[in-house]
Amino acid sequence: MRLSDTLLVDRPEQTFFEDPALDRAFGVVMALATEVFVQRDRMRALERKLEAAGVLDRAELDSEPSDAERLAEAEDRDAFVEGLMINLLGKQQAKGAS
């Protein structure tokens, strides 16, 4: 049974804000936050295993990147941030009807 099957019960929606869309958006944010924590937890487990096998020195992961590494990652980071922040402009992003 899927989680969505158990949630689609005929009862009023629980709301915390005047606009139910904010509650739904907050639900999405919380679901994403949960996924981020799971990813962090798994990453730490992976790092421990790789360090135990002598493949990785975790202290090196915390070191500053070189100028070349920083430059190589800048374009990707900038595109990622733009994709996140563009929604704050309040302009239609879809190519559908305007």
PDB file of N, CA and C in Angstrom:
ATOM      1  N   MET A   1       0.843  -1.180   0.000  1.00  0.00           N
ATOM      2  CA  MET A   1       0.000   0.000   0.000  1.00  0.00           C
ATOM      3  C   MET A   1       0.885   1.239   0.000  1.00  0.00           C
ATOM      4  N   ARG A   2       0.519   2.189  -0.817  1.00  0.00           N
ATOM      5  CA  ARG A   2       1.268   3.432  -0.913  1.00  0.00           C
ATOM      6  C   ARG A   2       0.816   4.415   0.156  1.00  0.00           C
ATOM      7  N   LEU A   3       1.740   5.293   0.559  1.00  0.00           N
ATOM      8  CA  LEU A   3       1.430   6.304   1.568  1.00  0.00           C
ATOM      9  C   LEU A   3       0.284   7.191   1.117  1.00  0.00           C
ATOM     10  N   SER A   4       0.265   7.552  -0.164  1.00  0.00           N
ATOM     11  CA  SER A   4      -0.787   8.441  -0.662  1.00  0.00           C
ATOM     12  C   SER A   4      -2.165   7.787  -0.539  1.00  0.00           C
ATOM     13  N   ASP A   5      -2.239   6.453  -0.610  1.00  0.00           N
ATOM     14  CA  ASP A   5      -3.525   5.771  -0.450  1.00  0.00           C
ATOM     15  C   ASP A   5      -4.066   5.934   0.961  1.00  0.00           C
ATOM     16  N   THR A   6      -3.188   5.949   1.937  1.00  0.00           N
ATOM     17  CA  THR A   6      -3.639   6.082   3.323  1.00  0.00           C
ATOM     18  C   THR A   6      -3.964   7.528   3.678  1.00  0.00           C
ATOM     19  N   LEU A   7      -3.420   8.477   2.912  1.00  0.00           N
ATOM     20  CA  LEU A   7      -3.647   9.886   3.211  1.00  0.00           C
ATOM     21  C   LEU A   7      -4.911  10.435   2.560  1.00  0.00           C
ATOM     22  N   LEU A   8      -5.392   9.763   1.531  1.00  0.00           N
ATOM     23  CA  LEU A   8      -6.561  10.252   0.819  1.00  0.00           C
ATOM     24  C   LEU A   8      -7.831   9.789   1.507  1.00  0.00           C
ATOM     25  N   VAL A   9      -8.043  10.279   2.699  1.00  0.00           N
ATOM     26  CA  VAL A   9      -9.214   9.945   3.508  1.00  0.00           C
ATOM     27  C   VAL A   9     -10.168  11.123   3.424  1.00  0.00           C
ATOM     28  N   ASP A  10     -11.458  10.841   3.396  1.00  0.00           N
ATOM     29  CA  ASP A  10     -12.453  11.905   3.277  1.00  0.00           C
ATOM     30  C   ASP A  10     -12.653  12.593   4.621  1.00  0.00           C
ATOM     31  N   ARG A  11     -11.783  13.568   4.887  1.00  0.00           N
ATOM     32  CA  ARG A  11     -11.886  14.366   6.104  1.00  0.00           C
ATOM     33  C   ARG A  11     -11.320  15.749   5.810  1.00  0.00           C
ATOM     34  N   PRO A  12     -11.681  16.735   6.606  1.00  0.00           N
ATOM     35  CA  PRO A  12     -11.192  18.091   6.342  1.00  0.00           C
ATOM     36  C   PRO A  12      -9.673  18.157   6.427  1.00  0.00           C
ATOM     37  N   GLU A  13      -9.118  19.030   5.591  1.00  0.00           N
ATOM     38  CA  GLU A  13      -7.676  19.230   5.589  1.00  0.00           C
ATOM     39  C   GLU A  13      -7.264  20.019   6.827  1.00  0.00           C
ATOM     40  N   GLN A  14      -6.205  19.580   7.485  1.00  0.00           N
ATOM     41  CA  GLN A  14      -5.673  20.298   8.643  1.00  0.00           C
ATOM     42  C   GLN A  14      -4.943  21.531   8.138  1.00  0.00           C
ATOM     43  N   THR A  15      -5.264  22.685   8.688  1.00  0.00           N
ATOM     44  CA  THR A  15      -4.623  23.912   8.241  1.00  0.00           C
ATOM     45  C   THR A  15      -4.029  24.664   9.425  1.00  0.00           C
ATOM     46  N   PHE A  16      -2.929  25.352   9.131  1.00  0.00           N
ATOM     47  CA  PHE A  16      -2.262  26.171  10.130  1.00  0.00           C
ATOM     48  C   PHE A  16      -2.221  27.634   9.694  1.00  0.00           C
ATOM     49  N   PHE A  17      -2.282  27.861   8.377  1.00  0.00           N
ATOM     50  CA  PHE A  17      -2.238  29.206   7.818  1.00  0.00           C
ATOM     51  C   PHE A  17      -3.590  29.516   7.187  1.00  0.00           C
ATOM     52  N   GLU A  18      -3.868  30.789   6.965  1.00  0.00           N
ATOM     53  CA  GLU A  18      -5.129  31.171   6.342  1.00  0.00           C
ATOM     54  C   GLU A  18      -5.261  30.565   4.953  1.00  0.00           C
ATOM     55  N   ASP A  19      -4.194  30.543   4.219  1.00  0.00           N
ATOM     56  CA  ASP A  19      -4.202  30.006   2.859  1.00  0.00           C
ATOM     57  C   ASP A  19      -3.741  28.550   2.902  1.00  0.00           C
ATOM     58  N   PRO A  20      -4.613  27.600   2.563  1.00  0.00           N
ATOM     59  CA  PRO A  20      -4.212  26.182   2.594  1.00  0.00           C
ATOM     60  C   PRO A  20      -3.045  25.861   1.670  1.00  0.00           C
ATOM     61  N   ALA A  21      -2.826  26.694   0.649  1.00  0.00           N
ATOM     62  CA  ALA A  21      -1.682  26.465  -0.246  1.00  0.00           C
ATOM     63  C   ALA A  21      -0.375  26.595   0.526  1.00  0.00           C
ATOM     64  N   LEU A  22      -0.334  27.480   1.522  1.00  0.00           N
ATOM     65  CA  LEU A  22       0.873  27.599   2.343  1.00  0.00           C
ATOM     66  C   LEU A  22       1.109  26.331   3.151  1.00  0.00           C
ATOM     67  N   ASP A  23       0.047  25.743   3.662  1.00  0.00           N
ATOM     68  CA  ASP A  23       0.188  24.480   4.394  1.00  0.00           C
ATOM     69  C   ASP A  23       0.732  23.388   3.479  1.00  0.00           C
ATOM     70  N   ARG A  24       0.213  23.336   2.259  1.00  0.00           N
ATOM     71  CA  ARG A  24       0.686  22.321   1.318  1.00  0.00           C
ATOM     72  C   ARG A  24       2.147  22.563   0.945  1.00  0.00           C
ATOM     73  N   ALA A  25       2.513  23.825   0.704  1.00  0.00           N
ATOM     74  CA  ALA A  25       3.900  24.149   0.372  1.00  0.00           C
ATOM     75  C   ALA A  25       4.817  23.801   1.537  1.00  0.00           C
ATOM     76  N   PHE A  26       4.366  24.096   2.749  1.00  0.00           N
ATOM     77  CA  PHE A  26       5.171  23.764   3.918  1.00  0.00           C
ATOM     78  C   PHE A  26       5.327  22.249   4.043  1.00  0.00           C
ATOM     79  N   GLY A  27       4.285  21.503   3.693  1.00  0.00           N
ATOM     80  CA  GLY A  27       4.377  20.045   3.698  1.00  0.00           C
ATOM     81  C   GLY A  27       5.437  19.550   2.735  1.00  0.00           C
ATOM     82  N   VAL A  28       5.519  20.186   1.569  1.00  0.00           N
ATOM     83  CA  VAL A  28       6.545  19.819   0.590  1.00  0.00           C
ATOM     84  C   VAL A  28       7.931  20.135   1.153  1.00  0.00           C
ATOM     85  N   VAL A  29       8.069  21.312   1.776  1.00  0.00           N
ATOM     86  CA  VAL A  29       9.356  21.695   2.368  1.00  0.00           C
ATOM     87  C   VAL A  29       9.771  20.678   3.432  1.00  0.00           C
ATOM     88  N   MET A  30       8.837  20.266   4.266  1.00  0.00           N
ATOM     89  CA  MET A  30       9.165  19.291   5.316  1.00  0.00           C
ATOM     90  C   MET A  30       9.532  17.935   4.723  1.00  0.00           C
ATOM     91  N   ALA A  31       8.852  17.532   3.661  1.00  0.00           N
ATOM     92  CA  ALA A  31       9.198  16.262   3.006  1.00  0.00           C
ATOM     93  C   ALA A  31      10.611  16.339   2.423  1.00  0.00           C
ATOM     94  N   LEU A  32      10.950  17.474   1.808  1.00  0.00           N
ATOM     95  CA  LEU A  32      12.297  17.651   1.269  1.00  0.00           C
ATOM     96  C   LEU A  32      13.341  17.689   2.381  1.00  0.00           C
ATOM     97  N   ALA A  33      13.014  18.348   3.491  1.00  0.00           N
ATOM     98  CA  ALA A  33      13.945  18.397   4.621  1.00  0.00           C
ATOM     99  C   ALA A  33      14.208  16.989   5.149  1.00  0.00           C
ATOM    100  N   THR A  34      13.180  16.171   5.184  1.00  0.00           N
ATOM    101  CA  THR A  34      13.342  14.783   5.627  1.00  0.00           C
ATOM    102  C   THR A  34      14.285  14.039   4.695  1.00  0.00           C
ATOM    103  N   GLU A  35      14.100  14.227   3.392  1.00  0.00           N
ATOM    104  CA  GLU A  35      14.978  13.573   2.418  1.00  0.00           C
ATOM    105  C   GLU A  35      16.416  14.052   2.553  1.00  0.00           C
ATOM    106  N   VAL A  36      16.605  15.342   2.795  1.00  0.00           N
ATOM    107  CA  VAL A  36      17.959  15.873   2.969  1.00  0.00           C
ATOM    108  C   VAL A  36      18.626  15.222   4.170  1.00  0.00           C
ATOM    109  N   PHE A  37      17.887  15.076   5.268  1.00  0.00           N
ATOM    110  CA  PHE A  37      18.483  14.449   6.444  1.00  0.00           C
ATOM    111  C   PHE A  37      18.858  13.000   6.151  1.00  0.00           C
ATOM    112  N   VAL A  38      17.997  12.272   5.459  1.00  0.00           N
ATOM    113  CA  VAL A  38      18.304  10.877   5.118  1.00  0.00           C
ATOM    114  C   VAL A  38      19.566  10.825   4.262  1.00  0.00           C
ATOM    115  N   GLN A  39      19.683  11.738   3.287  1.00  0.00           N
ATOM    116  CA  GLN A  39      20.878  11.779   2.447  1.00  0.00           C
ATOM    117  C   GLN A  39      22.127  12.084   3.266  1.00  0.00           C
ATOM    118  N   ARG A  40      22.019  13.019   4.207  1.00  0.00           N
ATOM    119  CA  ARG A  40      23.157  13.344   5.069  1.00  0.00           C
ATOM    120  C   ARG A  40      23.577  12.135   5.895  1.00  0.00           C
ATOM    121  N   ASP A  41      22.597  11.437   6.433  1.00  0.00           N
ATOM    122  CA  ASP A  41      22.869  10.267   7.261  1.00  0.00           C
ATOM    123  C   ASP A  41      23.561   9.174   6.438  1.00  0.00           C
ATOM    124  N   ARG A  42      23.070   8.951   5.239  1.00  0.00           N
ATOM    125  CA  ARG A  42      23.667   7.936   4.379  1.00  0.00           C
ATOM    126  C   ARG A  42      25.067   8.355   3.926  1.00  0.00           C
ATOM    127  N   MET A  43      25.254   9.642   3.667  1.00  0.00           N
ATOM    128  CA  MET A  43      26.572  10.131   3.262  1.00  0.00           C
ATOM    129  C   MET A  43      27.588   9.899   4.378  1.00  0.00           C
ATOM    130  N   ARG A  44      27.182  10.185   5.612  1.00  0.00           N
ATOM    131  CA  ARG A  44      28.100   9.948   6.740  1.00  0.00           C
ATOM    132  C   ARG A  44      28.440   8.462   6.858  1.00  0.00           C
ATOM    133  N   ALA A  45      27.448   7.604   6.674  1.00  0.00           N
ATOM    134  CA  ALA A  45      27.695   6.162   6.738  1.00  0.00           C
ATOM    135  C   ALA A  45      28.657   5.734   5.624  1.00  0.00           C
ATOM    136  N   LEU A  46      28.453   6.274   4.433  1.00  0.00           N
ATOM    137  CA  LEU A  46      29.329   5.958   3.311  1.00  0.00           C
ATOM    138  C   LEU A  46      30.756   6.438   3.574  1.00  0.00           C
ATOM    139  N   GLU A  47      30.883   7.654   4.115  1.00  0.00           N
ATOM    140  CA  GLU A  47      32.205   8.179   4.443  1.00  0.00           C
ATOM    141  C   GLU A  47      32.906   7.296   5.476  1.00  0.00           C
ATOM    142  N   ARG A  48      32.174   6.857   6.485  1.00  0.00           N
ATOM    143  CA  ARG A  48      32.783   5.977   7.502  1.00  0.00           C
ATOM    144  C   ARG A  48      33.285   4.681   6.872  1.00  0.00           C
ATOM    145  N   LYS A  49      32.479   4.082   5.988  1.00  0.00           N
ATOM    146  CA  LYS A  49      32.873   2.824   5.336  1.00  0.00           C
ATOM    147  C   LYS A  49      34.102   3.027   4.444  1.00  0.00           C
ATOM    148  N   LEU A  50      34.101   4.117   3.682  1.00  0.00           N
ATOM    149  CA  LEU A  50      35.241   4.381   2.802  1.00  0.00           C
ATOM    150  C   LEU A  50      36.507   4.671   3.600  1.00  0.00           C
ATOM    151  N   GLU A  51      36.363   5.367   4.721  1.00  0.00           N
ATOM    152  CA  GLU A  51      37.529   5.639   5.562  1.00  0.00           C
ATOM    153  C   GLU A  51      38.048   4.350   6.194  1.00  0.00           C
ATOM    154  N   ALA A  52      37.142   3.507   6.646  1.00  0.00           N
ATOM    155  CA  ALA A  52      37.552   2.237   7.256  1.00  0.00           C
ATOM    156  C   ALA A  52      38.269   1.343   6.245  1.00  0.00           C
ATOM    157  N   ALA A  53      37.891   1.463   4.975  1.00  0.00           N
ATOM    158  CA  ALA A  53      38.530   0.659   3.928  1.00  0.00           C
ATOM    159  C   ALA A  53      39.812   1.304   3.415  1.00  0.00           C
ATOM    160  N   GLY A  54      40.160   2.481   3.939  1.00  0.00           N
ATOM    161  CA  GLY A  54      41.384   3.157   3.527  1.00  0.00           C
ATOM    162  C   GLY A  54      41.279   3.877   2.191  1.00  0.00           C
ATOM    163  N   VAL A  55      40.065   4.082   1.715  1.00  0.00           N
ATOM    164  CA  VAL A  55      39.847   4.741   0.429  1.00  0.00           C
ATOM    165  C   VAL A  55      39.753   6.254   0.584  1.00  0.00           C
ATOM    166  N   LEU A  56      39.375   6.709   1.763  1.00  0.00           N
ATOM    167  CA  LEU A  56      39.069   8.113   1.966  1.00  0.00           C
ATOM    168  C   LEU A  56      39.582   8.595   3.309  1.00  0.00           C
ATOM    169  N   ASP A  57      40.083   9.804   3.329  1.00  0.00           N
ATOM    170  CA  ASP A  57      40.416  10.485   4.579  1.00  0.00           C
ATOM    171  C   ASP A  57      39.361  11.570   4.749  1.00  0.00           C
ATOM    172  N   ARG A  58      38.433  11.381   5.684  1.00  0.00           N
ATOM    173  CA  ARG A  58      37.323  12.326   5.842  1.00  0.00           C
ATOM    174  C   ARG A  58      37.783  13.741   6.132  1.00  0.00           C
ATOM    175  N   ALA A  59      38.924  13.919   6.760  1.00  0.00           N
ATOM    176  CA  ALA A  59      39.428  15.264   7.042  1.00  0.00           C
ATOM    177  C   ALA A  59      39.686  16.033   5.746  1.00  0.00           C
ATOM    178  N   GLU A  60      40.047  15.316   4.683  1.00  0.00           N
ATOM    179  CA  GLU A  60      40.290  15.969   3.400  1.00  0.00           C
ATOM    180  C   GLU A  60      39.014  16.548   2.799  1.00  0.00           C
ATOM    181  N   LEU A  61      37.874  15.980   3.142  1.00  0.00           N
ATOM    182  CA  LEU A  61      36.603  16.486   2.623  1.00  0.00           C
ATOM    183  C   LEU A  61      36.289  17.882   3.149  1.00  0.00           C
ATOM    184  N   ASP A  62      36.835  18.220   4.314  1.00  0.00           N
ATOM    185  CA  ASP A  62      36.583  19.524   4.914  1.00  0.00           C
ATOM    186  C   ASP A  62      37.595  20.577   4.492  1.00  0.00           C
ATOM    187  N   SER A  63      38.578  20.189   3.707  1.00  0.00           N
ATOM    188  CA  SER A  63      39.601  21.158   3.294  1.00  0.00           C
ATOM    189  C   SER A  63      39.043  22.091   2.223  1.00  0.00           C
ATOM    190  N   GLU A  64      39.652  23.259   2.129  1.00  0.00           N
ATOM    191  CA  GLU A  64      39.243  24.248   1.125  1.00  0.00           C
ATOM    192  C   GLU A  64      39.566  23.725  -0.268  1.00  0.00           C
ATOM    193  N   PRO A  65      38.654  23.944  -1.230  1.00  0.00           N
ATOM    194  CA  PRO A  65      38.964  23.526  -2.602  1.00  0.00           C
ATOM    195  C   PRO A  65      40.056  24.413  -3.199  1.00  0.00           C
ATOM    196  N   SER A  66      40.752  23.883  -4.164  1.00  0.00           N
ATOM    197  CA  SER A  66      41.761  24.677  -4.870  1.00  0.00           C
ATOM    198  C   SER A  66      41.046  25.705  -5.744  1.00  0.00           C
ATOM    199  N   ASP A  67      41.794  26.668  -6.248  1.00  0.00           N
ATOM    200  CA  ASP A  67      41.205  27.673  -7.132  1.00  0.00           C
ATOM    201  C   ASP A  67      40.598  27.024  -8.373  1.00  0.00           C
ATOM    202  N   ALA A  68      41.268  26.026  -8.905  1.00  0.00           N
ATOM    203  CA  ALA A  68      40.753  25.329 -10.095  1.00  0.00           C
ATOM    204  C   ALA A  68      39.457  24.594  -9.780  1.00  0.00           C
ATOM    205  N   GLU A  69      39.398  23.928  -8.625  1.00  0.00           N
ATOM    206  CA  GLU A  69      38.171  23.233  -8.227  1.00  0.00           C
ATOM    207  C   GLU A  69      37.038  24.223  -7.992  1.00  0.00           C
ATOM    208  N   ARG A  70      37.357  25.325  -7.337  1.00  0.00           N
ATOM    209  CA  ARG A  70      36.352  26.348  -7.054  1.00  0.00           C
ATOM    210  C   ARG A  70      35.777  26.918  -8.347  1.00  0.00           C
ATOM    211  N   LEU A  71      36.628  27.188  -9.306  1.00  0.00           N
ATOM    212  CA  LEU A  71      36.213  27.718 -10.596  1.00  0.00           C
ATOM    213  C   LEU A  71      35.351  26.711 -11.352  1.00  0.00           C
ATOM    214  N   ALA A  72      35.744  25.448 -11.313  1.00  0.00           N
ATOM    215  CA  ALA A  72      34.999  24.401 -12.015  1.00  0.00           C
ATOM    216  C   ALA A  72      33.601  24.227 -11.438  1.00  0.00           C
ATOM    217  N   GLU A  73      33.437  24.454 -10.150  1.00  0.00           N
ATOM    218  CA  GLU A  73      32.139  24.260  -9.496  1.00  0.00           C
ATOM    219  C   GLU A  73      31.281  25.518  -9.505  1.00  0.00           C
ATOM    220  N   ALA A  74      31.856  26.670  -9.818  1.00  0.00           N
ATOM    221  CA  ALA A  74      31.131  27.944  -9.732  1.00  0.00           C
ATOM    222  C   ALA A  74      29.948  27.999 -10.687  1.00  0.00           C
ATOM    223  N   GLU A  75      30.127  27.567 -11.919  1.00  0.00           N
ATOM    224  CA  GLU A  75      29.036  27.627 -12.898  1.00  0.00           C
ATOM    225  C   GLU A  75      27.871  26.747 -12.468  1.00  0.00           C
ATOM    226  N   ASP A  76      28.169  25.544 -12.015  1.00  0.00           N
ATOM    227  CA  ASP A  76      27.118  24.641 -11.551  1.00  0.00           C
ATOM    228  C   ASP A  76      26.387  25.232 -10.346  1.00  0.00           C
ATOM    229  N   ARG A  77      27.147  25.793  -9.397  1.00  0.00           N
ATOM    230  CA  ARG A  77      26.538  26.396  -8.211  1.00  0.00           C
ATOM    231  C   ARG A  77      25.655  27.580  -8.582  1.00  0.00           C
ATOM    232  N   ASP A  78      26.143  28.419  -9.482  1.00  0.00           N
ATOM    233  CA  ASP A  78      25.373  29.594  -9.895  1.00  0.00           C
ATOM    234  C   ASP A  78      24.060  29.191 -10.570  1.00  0.00           C
ATOM    235  N   ALA A  79      24.101  28.175 -11.415  1.00  0.00           N
ATOM    236  CA  ALA A  79      22.883  27.701 -12.074  1.00  0.00           C
ATOM    237  C   ALA A  79      21.910  27.108 -11.062  1.00  0.00           C
ATOM    238  N   PHE A  80      22.431  26.396 -10.094  1.00  0.00           N
ATOM    239  CA  PHE A  80      21.594  25.807  -9.050  1.00  0.00           C
ATOM    240  C   PHE A  80      20.894  26.895  -8.236  1.00  0.00           C
ATOM    241  N   VAL A  81      21.650  27.908  -7.814  1.00  0.00           N
ATOM    242  CA  VAL A  81      21.090  29.003  -7.022  1.00  0.00           C
ATOM    243  C   VAL A  81      20.063  29.783  -7.841  1.00  0.00           C
ATOM    244  N   GLU A  82      20.361  30.036  -9.102  1.00  0.00           N
ATOM    245  CA  GLU A  82      19.398  30.752  -9.950  1.00  0.00           C
ATOM    246  C   GLU A  82      18.098  29.977 -10.066  1.00  0.00           C
ATOM    247  N   GLY A  83      18.197  28.658 -10.235  1.00  0.00           N
ATOM    248  CA  GLY A  83      16.998  27.829 -10.325  1.00  0.00           C
ATOM    249  C   GLY A  83      16.159  27.876  -9.055  1.00  0.00           C
ATOM    250  N   LEU A  84      16.817  27.977  -7.915  1.00  0.00           N
ATOM    251  CA  LEU A  84      16.090  28.077  -6.651  1.00  0.00           C
ATOM    252  C   LEU A  84      15.449  29.442  -6.470  1.00  0.00           C
ATOM    253  N   MET A  85      16.193  30.480  -6.796  1.00  0.00           N
ATOM    254  CA  MET A  85      15.769  31.836  -6.482  1.00  0.00           C
ATOM    255  C   MET A  85      14.827  32.454  -7.515  1.00  0.00           C
ATOM    256  N   ILE A  86      14.764  31.917  -8.717  1.00  0.00           N
ATOM    257  CA  ILE A  86      13.955  32.529  -9.767  1.00  0.00           C
ATOM    258  C   ILE A  86      12.479  32.568  -9.385  1.00  0.00           C
ATOM    259  N   ASN A  87      12.053  31.653  -8.547  1.00  0.00           N
ATOM    260  CA  ASN A  87      10.654  31.633  -8.121  1.00  0.00           C
ATOM    261  C   ASN A  87      10.296  32.854  -7.293  1.00  0.00           C
ATOM    262  N   LEU A  88      11.259  33.493  -6.697  1.00  0.00           N
ATOM    263  CA  LEU A  88      10.987  34.677  -5.887  1.00  0.00           C
ATOM    264  C   LEU A  88      10.647  35.900  -6.731  1.00  0.00           C
ATOM    265  N   LEU A  89      10.897  35.836  -8.026  1.00  0.00           N
ATOM    266  CA  LEU A  89      10.609  36.970  -8.890  1.00  0.00           C
ATOM    267  C   LEU A  89       9.113  37.163  -9.115  1.00  0.00           C
ATOM    268  N   GLY A  90       8.333  36.115  -8.893  1.00  0.00           N
ATOM    269  CA  GLY A  90       6.889  36.224  -9.065  1.00  0.00           C
ATOM    270  C   GLY A  90       6.468  36.294 -10.513  1.00  0.00           C
ATOM    271  N   LYS A  91       7.281  35.777 -11.417  1.00  0.00           N
ATOM    272  CA  LYS A  91       6.952  35.780 -12.831  1.00  0.00           C
ATOM    273  C   LYS A  91       6.685  34.345 -13.279  1.00  0.00           C
ATOM    274  N   GLN A  92       5.795  34.218 -14.242  1.00  0.00           N
ATOM    275  CA  GLN A  92       5.434  32.903 -14.748  1.00  0.00           C
ATOM    276  C   GLN A  92       6.643  32.232 -15.377  1.00  0.00           C
ATOM    277  N   GLN A  93       6.892  30.993 -14.988  1.00  0.00           N
ATOM    278  CA  GLN A  93       8.032  30.249 -15.518  1.00  0.00           C
ATOM    279  C   GLN A  93       7.602  29.254 -16.596  1.00  0.00           C
ATOM    280  N   ALA A  94       6.335  28.829 -16.540  1.00  0.00           N
ATOM    281  CA  ALA A  94       5.848  27.861 -17.524  1.00  0.00           C
ATOM    282  C   ALA A  94       5.681  28.549 -18.877  1.00  0.00           C
ATOM    283  N   LYS A  95       5.714  27.788 -19.915  1.00  0.00           N
ATOM    284  CA  LYS A  95       5.560  28.346 -21.251  1.00  0.00           C
ATOM    285  C   LYS A  95       4.112  28.261 -21.726  1.00  0.00           C
ATOM    286  N   GLY A  96       3.203  27.975 -20.813  1.00  0.00           N
ATOM    287  CA  GLY A  96       1.783  27.864 -21.165  1.00  0.00           C
ATOM    288  C   GLY A  96       1.141  29.222 -21.344  1.00  0.00           C
ATOM    289  N   ALA A  97      -0.188  29.244 -21.233  1.00  0.00           N
ATOM    290  CA  ALA A  97      -0.950  30.488 -21.424  1.00  0.00           C
ATOM    291  C   ALA A  97      -0.498  31.552 -20.448  1.00  0.00           C
ATOM    292  N   SER A  98      -0.539  32.799 -20.915  1.00  0.00           N
ATOM    293  CA  SER A  98      -0.123  33.892 -20.023  1.00  0.00           C
ATOM    294  C   SER A  98      -1.282  34.807 -19.719  1.00  0.00           C
TER     295      SER A  98
END
